Amino acid sequence: MQFLDDLWFCILKALNFNKLREPLLSGKHCVQELYNANPEKLNDADFVKEALAQASLVASATLLDVTVHSFPVQGVTGFALLAESHISIHSWPESGYAAVDVFTCGETTDPEQACAFLAEAFEARSQHIITLDRYIPDFIKPVAATCLDRMDTKPHTICERRTAITV
C-alpha cells in the first residue's frame, strides 16, 4: 500500500489538492491507412527505407536511424527513429494496403506532411488518416519537483521512479 500512498501524495500535492491544470501540447500523432497502393513499392524494402527517410525530411524531423524487415513471402515493416519520435509502416502488398504511424513532438515538425508524402510515394489511390493531438499533462513537472523534494527522506518511492521516467 506504500506504493499507492506515495503515488497519491505526489499527485495530490502537485495538483494543490484541487483541479488539473490545462495540459501542454507535446505533438501530433497521425494514424494513416493507405489503400490500393502500388504492390511492388509496398514489397520493396529499399524503397520503403528511402520513403521513410524522405518522409522524415518532409516532416521537418531529425532522422536518427531507419530499419526495415522484409517478410519471406511478402510484406515489409519499416521504422524510422526520429529525434522527435517515429514513423512506421507495415505493408500488405497482396492487398495494396499499408498501415502508417507518424508521431512527432514539438512545434517545428509536421507529421501530416509526412503522411501526404507517403501516400504519394506509394501511389495510394485512397487513404484514411486520423490526427491526434498528444498532450503532456501540466501536472507532471510539479509531480517531478515534489518527488525530488521527497527523495531525501524516501529514496525508493514511486516518486523516484516516476521522476526518472518523466525528467
Foldseek 3Di string as FASTA:
>chain_A
DLQVVLVVVLLCVLVVNDDFDDWAFFWKKKKKKFAQFQLVLQFDFVSVQVLQVVLCVQQVWAWDDKDKDADPVTWMWIWTQTPQGIKIWTDDSVGNMIIIMDIGTDDSTDNVRSVVSVNVSRVGPDMDMDMDGDTDGPSLVSSLVVLVVCCVPPVPHVSVVSNVVPD
